[in-house]
Amino acid sequence: MKKIASFTVNHLTLLPGIYVSRKDHVGAEVVTTFDIRMTRPNFEPVMNTAEIHTIEHLGATFLRNHAEFADKTVYFGPMGCRTGFYLLLAGDYESKDIVELLKDMFAFIKDFQDEVPGAAARDCGNYLDMNLPMANYVAKKFYEEVLLNITEDRLVYAE
């Protein structure tokens, strides 16, 4: 079998950042998949499922209520390796195009102190696996250490 694109990225040198993982054509529309890498693969501890799950609920809620990107958001969810998230947007984008969106989203998550949207048995299949304080912590870490002063090497995969 052919190796998929995400497995061709060198995870030994990959730094936390925002990367275009792939672009797909669905009819006449382009769908851009972003790799939102929050921890350094194979060097830093991965995130636990509870904070990932909380970030997923908060991030998806933020994106699907965003004035500009609500109708362009196809999917926001965690990577199986627990080092980040995938964001799929309808449209042809580069990483630099969504830096402000992600700054706003992660500011929202790091400061969120209310009831997590969808964290109820009726709304979620695993609603008890949530950790808002840790979601706040990892979102703040990513926001401050990566997003606030993001550089080109954190926006484009290294060759």
C-alpha atoms as a PDB file:
ATOM      1  CA  MET A   1       0.000   0.000   0.000  1.00  0.00           C
ATOM      2  CA  LYS A   2       1.025   3.552  -0.652  1.00  0.00           C
ATOM      3  CA  LYS A   3       2.051   5.526   2.463  1.00  0.00           C
ATOM      4  CA  ILE A   4      -0.412   8.315   3.220  1.00  0.00           C
ATOM      5  CA  ALA A   5       0.834  11.912   3.246  1.00  0.00           C
ATOM      6  CA  SER A   6       0.666  12.435   7.018  1.00  0.00           C
ATOM      7  CA  PHE A   7       3.033   9.495   7.533  1.00  0.00           C
ATOM      8  CA  THR A   8       5.667  11.080   5.299  1.00  0.00           C
ATOM      9  CA  VAL A   9       6.189  14.057   7.655  1.00  0.00           C
ATOM     10  CA  ASN A  10       9.355  13.665   9.737  1.00  0.00           C
ATOM     11  CA  HIS A  11       7.923  13.448  13.250  1.00  0.00           C
ATOM     12  CA  LEU A  12      11.436  13.570  14.748  1.00  0.00           C
ATOM     13  CA  THR A  13      11.925  17.175  13.629  1.00  0.00           C
ATOM     14  CA  LEU A  14       8.308  18.408  13.644  1.00  0.00           C
ATOM     15  CA  LEU A  15       7.721  21.367  15.971  1.00  0.00           C
ATOM     16  CA  PRO A  16       4.425  22.575  17.412  1.00  0.00           C
ATOM     17  CA  GLY A  17       2.729  24.850  14.890  1.00  0.00           C
ATOM     18  CA  ILE A  18       0.081  25.130  12.182  1.00  0.00           C
ATOM     19  CA  TYR A  19       0.728  23.214   8.983  1.00  0.00           C
ATOM     20  CA  VAL A  20      -1.197  22.474   5.802  1.00  0.00           C
ATOM     21  CA  SER A  21      -1.413  18.701   5.897  1.00  0.00           C
ATOM     22  CA  ARG A  22      -3.188  18.284   2.566  1.00  0.00           C
ATOM     23  CA  LYS A  23      -5.581  19.819   0.076  1.00  0.00           C
ATOM     24  CA  ASP A  24      -8.352  17.762  -1.440  1.00  0.00           C
ATOM     25  CA  HIS A  25     -10.762  18.542  -4.258  1.00  0.00           C
ATOM     26  CA  VAL A  26     -14.397  17.719  -3.638  1.00  0.00           C
ATOM     27  CA  GLY A  27     -16.221  18.606  -6.806  1.00  0.00           C
ATOM     28  CA  ALA A  28     -15.249  22.209  -7.550  1.00  0.00           C
ATOM     29  CA  GLU A  29     -14.394  22.922  -3.900  1.00  0.00           C
ATOM     30  CA  VAL A  30     -10.980  22.676  -2.236  1.00  0.00           C
ATOM     31  CA  VAL A  31     -10.881  21.324   1.321  1.00  0.00           C
ATOM     32  CA  THR A  32      -7.744  22.273   3.254  1.00  0.00           C
ATOM     33  CA  THR A  33      -6.667  20.024   6.117  1.00  0.00           C
ATOM     34  CA  PHE A  34      -4.577  21.695   8.808  1.00  0.00           C
ATOM     35  CA  ASP A  35      -2.272  19.919  11.235  1.00  0.00           C
ATOM     36  CA  ILE A  36      -2.543  21.907  14.465  1.00  0.00           C
ATOM     37  CA  ARG A  37       0.420  20.395  16.272  1.00  0.00           C
ATOM     38  CA  MET A  38       0.315  21.298  19.960  1.00  0.00           C
ATOM     39  CA  THR A  39       3.117  19.127  21.345  1.00  0.00           C
ATOM     40  CA  ARG A  40       6.402  18.001  19.836  1.00  0.00           C
ATOM     41  CA  PRO A  41       5.930  14.392  18.682  1.00  0.00           C
ATOM     42  CA  ASN A  42       8.110  11.773  20.376  1.00  0.00           C
ATOM     43  CA  PHE A  43       9.774  14.402  22.611  1.00  0.00           C
ATOM     44  CA  GLU A  44       7.017  15.869  24.792  1.00  0.00           C
ATOM     45  CA  PRO A  45       4.289  14.000  26.648  1.00  0.00           C
ATOM     46  CA  VAL A  46       1.083  13.657  24.646  1.00  0.00           C
ATOM     47  CA  MET A  47      -2.154  15.209  25.854  1.00  0.00           C
ATOM     48  CA  ASN A  48      -4.545  13.058  27.868  1.00  0.00           C
ATOM     49  CA  THR A  49      -7.917  12.168  26.400  1.00  0.00           C
ATOM     50  CA  ALA A  50      -9.877  14.294  28.900  1.00  0.00           C
ATOM     51  CA  GLU A  51      -8.252  17.593  27.898  1.00  0.00           C
ATOM     52  CA  ILE A  52      -8.301  16.644  24.219  1.00  0.00           C
ATOM     53  CA  HIS A  53     -11.999  15.883  24.483  1.00  0.00           C
ATOM     54  CA  THR A  54     -12.652  19.207  26.204  1.00  0.00           C
ATOM     55  CA  ILE A  55     -10.643  21.144  23.584  1.00  0.00           C
ATOM     56  CA  GLU A  56     -12.574  19.310  20.869  1.00  0.00           C
ATOM     57  CA  HIS A  57     -15.926  20.408  22.329  1.00  0.00           C
ATOM     58  CA  LEU A  58     -14.788  23.995  22.888  1.00  0.00           C
ATOM     59  CA  GLY A  59     -12.939  24.328  19.576  1.00  0.00           C
ATOM     60  CA  ALA A  60     -15.777  22.873  17.511  1.00  0.00           C
ATOM     61  CA  THR A  61     -18.294  25.127  19.276  1.00  0.00           C
ATOM     62  CA  PHE A  62     -16.095  28.182  18.703  1.00  0.00           C
ATOM     63  CA  LEU A  63     -15.514  27.394  15.021  1.00  0.00           C
ATOM     64  CA  ARG A  64     -19.134  26.560  14.208  1.00  0.00           C
ATOM     65  CA  ASN A  65     -20.228  29.864  15.752  1.00  0.00           C
ATOM     66  CA  HIS A  66     -17.510  31.995  14.141  1.00  0.00           C
ATOM     67  CA  ALA A  67     -18.799  34.853  11.976  1.00  0.00           C
ATOM     68  CA  GLU A  68     -16.475  34.097   9.033  1.00  0.00           C
ATOM     69  CA  PHE A  69     -15.567  30.411   9.395  1.00  0.00           C
ATOM     70  CA  ALA A  70     -18.787  28.771  10.665  1.00  0.00           C
ATOM     71  CA  ASP A  71     -19.921  27.742   7.184  1.00  0.00           C
ATOM     72  CA  LYS A  72     -16.382  26.822   6.112  1.00  0.00           C
ATOM     73  CA  THR A  73     -15.694  24.460   9.033  1.00  0.00           C
ATOM     74  CA  VAL A  74     -15.919  20.866   7.857  1.00  0.00           C
ATOM     75  CA  TYR A  75     -14.305  19.151  10.860  1.00  0.00           C
ATOM     76  CA  PHE A  76     -12.264  19.826  13.991  1.00  0.00           C
ATOM     77  CA  GLY A  77     -10.999  16.863  15.972  1.00  0.00           C
ATOM     78  CA  PRO A  78      -8.036  15.202  17.653  1.00  0.00           C
ATOM     79  CA  MET A  79      -5.182  13.253  16.109  1.00  0.00           C
ATOM     80  CA  GLY A  80      -4.968   9.644  17.224  1.00  0.00           C
ATOM     81  CA  CYS A  81      -1.417  10.232  18.485  1.00  0.00           C
ATOM     82  CA  ARG A  82      -2.758  12.900  20.881  1.00  0.00           C
ATOM     83  CA  THR A  83      -0.205  15.542  19.838  1.00  0.00           C
ATOM     84  CA  GLY A  84      -2.708  17.881  18.192  1.00  0.00           C
ATOM     85  CA  PHE A  85      -5.824  18.361  16.107  1.00  0.00           C
ATOM     86  CA  TYR A  86      -6.963  18.366  12.525  1.00  0.00           C
ATOM     87  CA  LEU A  87      -9.022  21.261  11.195  1.00  0.00           C
ATOM     88  CA  LEU A  88     -10.671  20.867   7.801  1.00  0.00           C
ATOM     89  CA  LEU A  89     -11.880  24.049   6.124  1.00  0.00           C
ATOM     90  CA  ALA A  90     -13.760  24.427   2.857  1.00  0.00           C
ATOM     91  CA  GLY A  91     -11.519  26.627   0.727  1.00  0.00           C
ATOM     92  CA  ASP A  92      -7.937  26.903  -0.472  1.00  0.00           C
ATOM     93  CA  TYR A  93      -5.897  28.189   2.475  1.00  0.00           C
ATOM     94  CA  GLU A  94      -2.330  28.451   3.692  1.00  0.00           C
ATOM     95  CA  SER A  95      -1.346  28.218   7.360  1.00  0.00           C
ATOM     96  CA  LYS A  96      -0.786  31.971   7.649  1.00  0.00           C
ATOM     97  CA  ASP A  97      -4.425  32.505   6.635  1.00  0.00           C
ATOM     98  CA  ILE A  98      -5.747  30.994   9.862  1.00  0.00           C
ATOM     99  CA  VAL A  99      -3.263  32.244  12.462  1.00  0.00           C
ATOM    100  CA  GLU A 100      -5.661  34.928  13.735  1.00  0.00           C
ATOM    101  CA  LEU A 101      -8.547  32.446  13.782  1.00  0.00           C
ATOM    102  CA  LEU A 102      -6.500  30.041  15.896  1.00  0.00           C
ATOM    103  CA  LYS A 103      -5.283  32.807  18.183  1.00  0.00           C
ATOM    104  CA  ASP A 104      -8.913  33.718  18.827  1.00  0.00           C
ATOM    105  CA  MET A 105      -9.937  30.083  19.281  1.00  0.00           C
ATOM    106  CA  PHE A 106      -7.136  29.196  21.684  1.00  0.00           C
ATOM    107  CA  ALA A 107      -7.663  32.449  23.632  1.00  0.00           C
ATOM    108  CA  PHE A 108     -11.298  31.380  23.977  1.00  0.00           C
ATOM    109  CA  ILE A 109     -10.302  27.888  25.171  1.00  0.00           C
ATOM    110  CA  LYS A 110      -7.565  29.030  27.580  1.00  0.00           C
ATOM    111  CA  ASP A 111      -9.940  31.487  29.279  1.00  0.00           C
ATOM    112  CA  PHE A 112     -13.117  29.382  29.211  1.00  0.00           C
ATOM    113  CA  GLN A 113     -14.591  28.877  32.702  1.00  0.00           C
ATOM    114  CA  ASP A 114     -18.212  27.888  32.070  1.00  0.00           C
ATOM    115  CA  GLU A 115     -19.976  24.576  31.555  1.00  0.00           C
ATOM    116  CA  VAL A 116     -18.376  22.786  28.587  1.00  0.00           C
ATOM    117  CA  PRO A 117     -20.844  22.741  25.665  1.00  0.00           C
ATOM    118  CA  GLY A 118     -22.172  19.269  25.000  1.00  0.00           C
ATOM    119  CA  ALA A 119     -20.770  17.793  28.237  1.00  0.00           C
ATOM    120  CA  ALA A 120     -23.948  15.925  29.129  1.00  0.00           C
ATOM    121  CA  ALA A 121     -25.020  12.300  28.718  1.00  0.00           C
ATOM    122  CA  ARG A 122     -27.728  13.279  26.221  1.00  0.00           C
ATOM    123  CA  ASP A 123     -25.249  15.201  24.035  1.00  0.00           C
ATOM    124  CA  CYS A 124     -22.010  13.179  24.177  1.00  0.00           C
ATOM    125  CA  GLY A 125     -21.042   9.517  24.216  1.00  0.00           C
ATOM    126  CA  ASN A 126     -18.297   9.988  26.809  1.00  0.00           C
ATOM    127  CA  TYR A 127     -19.286  13.199  28.619  1.00  0.00           C
ATOM    128  CA  LEU A 128     -17.503  12.257  31.863  1.00  0.00           C
ATOM    129  CA  ASP A 129     -14.083  12.240  30.154  1.00  0.00           C
ATOM    130  CA  MET A 130     -13.529  16.002  30.327  1.00  0.00           C
ATOM    131  CA  ASN A 131     -10.877  18.097  32.078  1.00  0.00           C
ATOM    132  CA  LEU A 132     -11.428  21.829  31.701  1.00  0.00           C
ATOM    133  CA  PRO A 133      -8.486  22.976  33.875  1.00  0.00           C
ATOM    134  CA  MET A 134      -6.031  20.907  31.825  1.00  0.00           C
ATOM    135  CA  ALA A 135      -7.675  22.046  28.566  1.00  0.00           C
ATOM    136  CA  ASN A 136      -7.189  25.646  29.749  1.00  0.00           C
ATOM    137  CA  TYR A 137      -3.551  24.868  30.606  1.00  0.00           C
ATOM    138  CA  VAL A 138      -2.552  23.199  27.314  1.00  0.00           C
ATOM    139  CA  ALA A 139      -4.454  25.812  25.269  1.00  0.00           C
ATOM    140  CA  LYS A 140      -2.646  28.600  27.149  1.00  0.00           C
ATOM    141  CA  LYS A 141       0.725  26.887  26.618  1.00  0.00           C
ATOM    142  CA  PHE A 142       0.112  26.551  22.854  1.00  0.00           C
ATOM    143  CA  TYR A 143      -1.245  30.102  22.635  1.00  0.00           C
ATOM    144  CA  GLU A 144       1.704  31.681  24.447  1.00  0.00           C
ATOM    145  CA  GLU A 145       4.577  29.483  23.239  1.00  0.00           C
ATOM    146  CA  VAL A 146       3.527  29.039  19.608  1.00  0.00           C
ATOM    147  CA  LEU A 147       0.701  31.259  18.378  1.00  0.00           C
ATOM    148  CA  LEU A 148       1.634  34.664  19.794  1.00  0.00           C
ATOM    149  CA  ASN A 149       4.948  34.872  17.935  1.00  0.00           C
ATOM    150  CA  ILE A 150       4.576  32.190  15.287  1.00  0.00           C
ATOM    151  CA  THR A 151       7.413  31.968  12.763  1.00  0.00           C
ATOM    152  CA  GLU A 152       7.626  30.548   9.246  1.00  0.00           C
ATOM    153  CA  ASP A 153       9.221  27.300  10.481  1.00  0.00           C
ATOM    154  CA  ARG A 154       6.010  26.686  12.478  1.00  0.00           C
ATOM    155  CA  LEU A 155       3.780  27.307   9.454  1.00  0.00           C
ATOM    156  CA  VAL A 156       5.331  25.106   6.740  1.00  0.00           C
ATOM    157  CA  TYR A 157       6.542  21.529   7.069  1.00  0.00           C
ATOM    158  CA  ALA A 158      10.320  21.198   6.852  1.00  0.00           C
ATOM    159  CA  GLU A 159      11.555  19.435   3.726  1.00  0.00           C
END
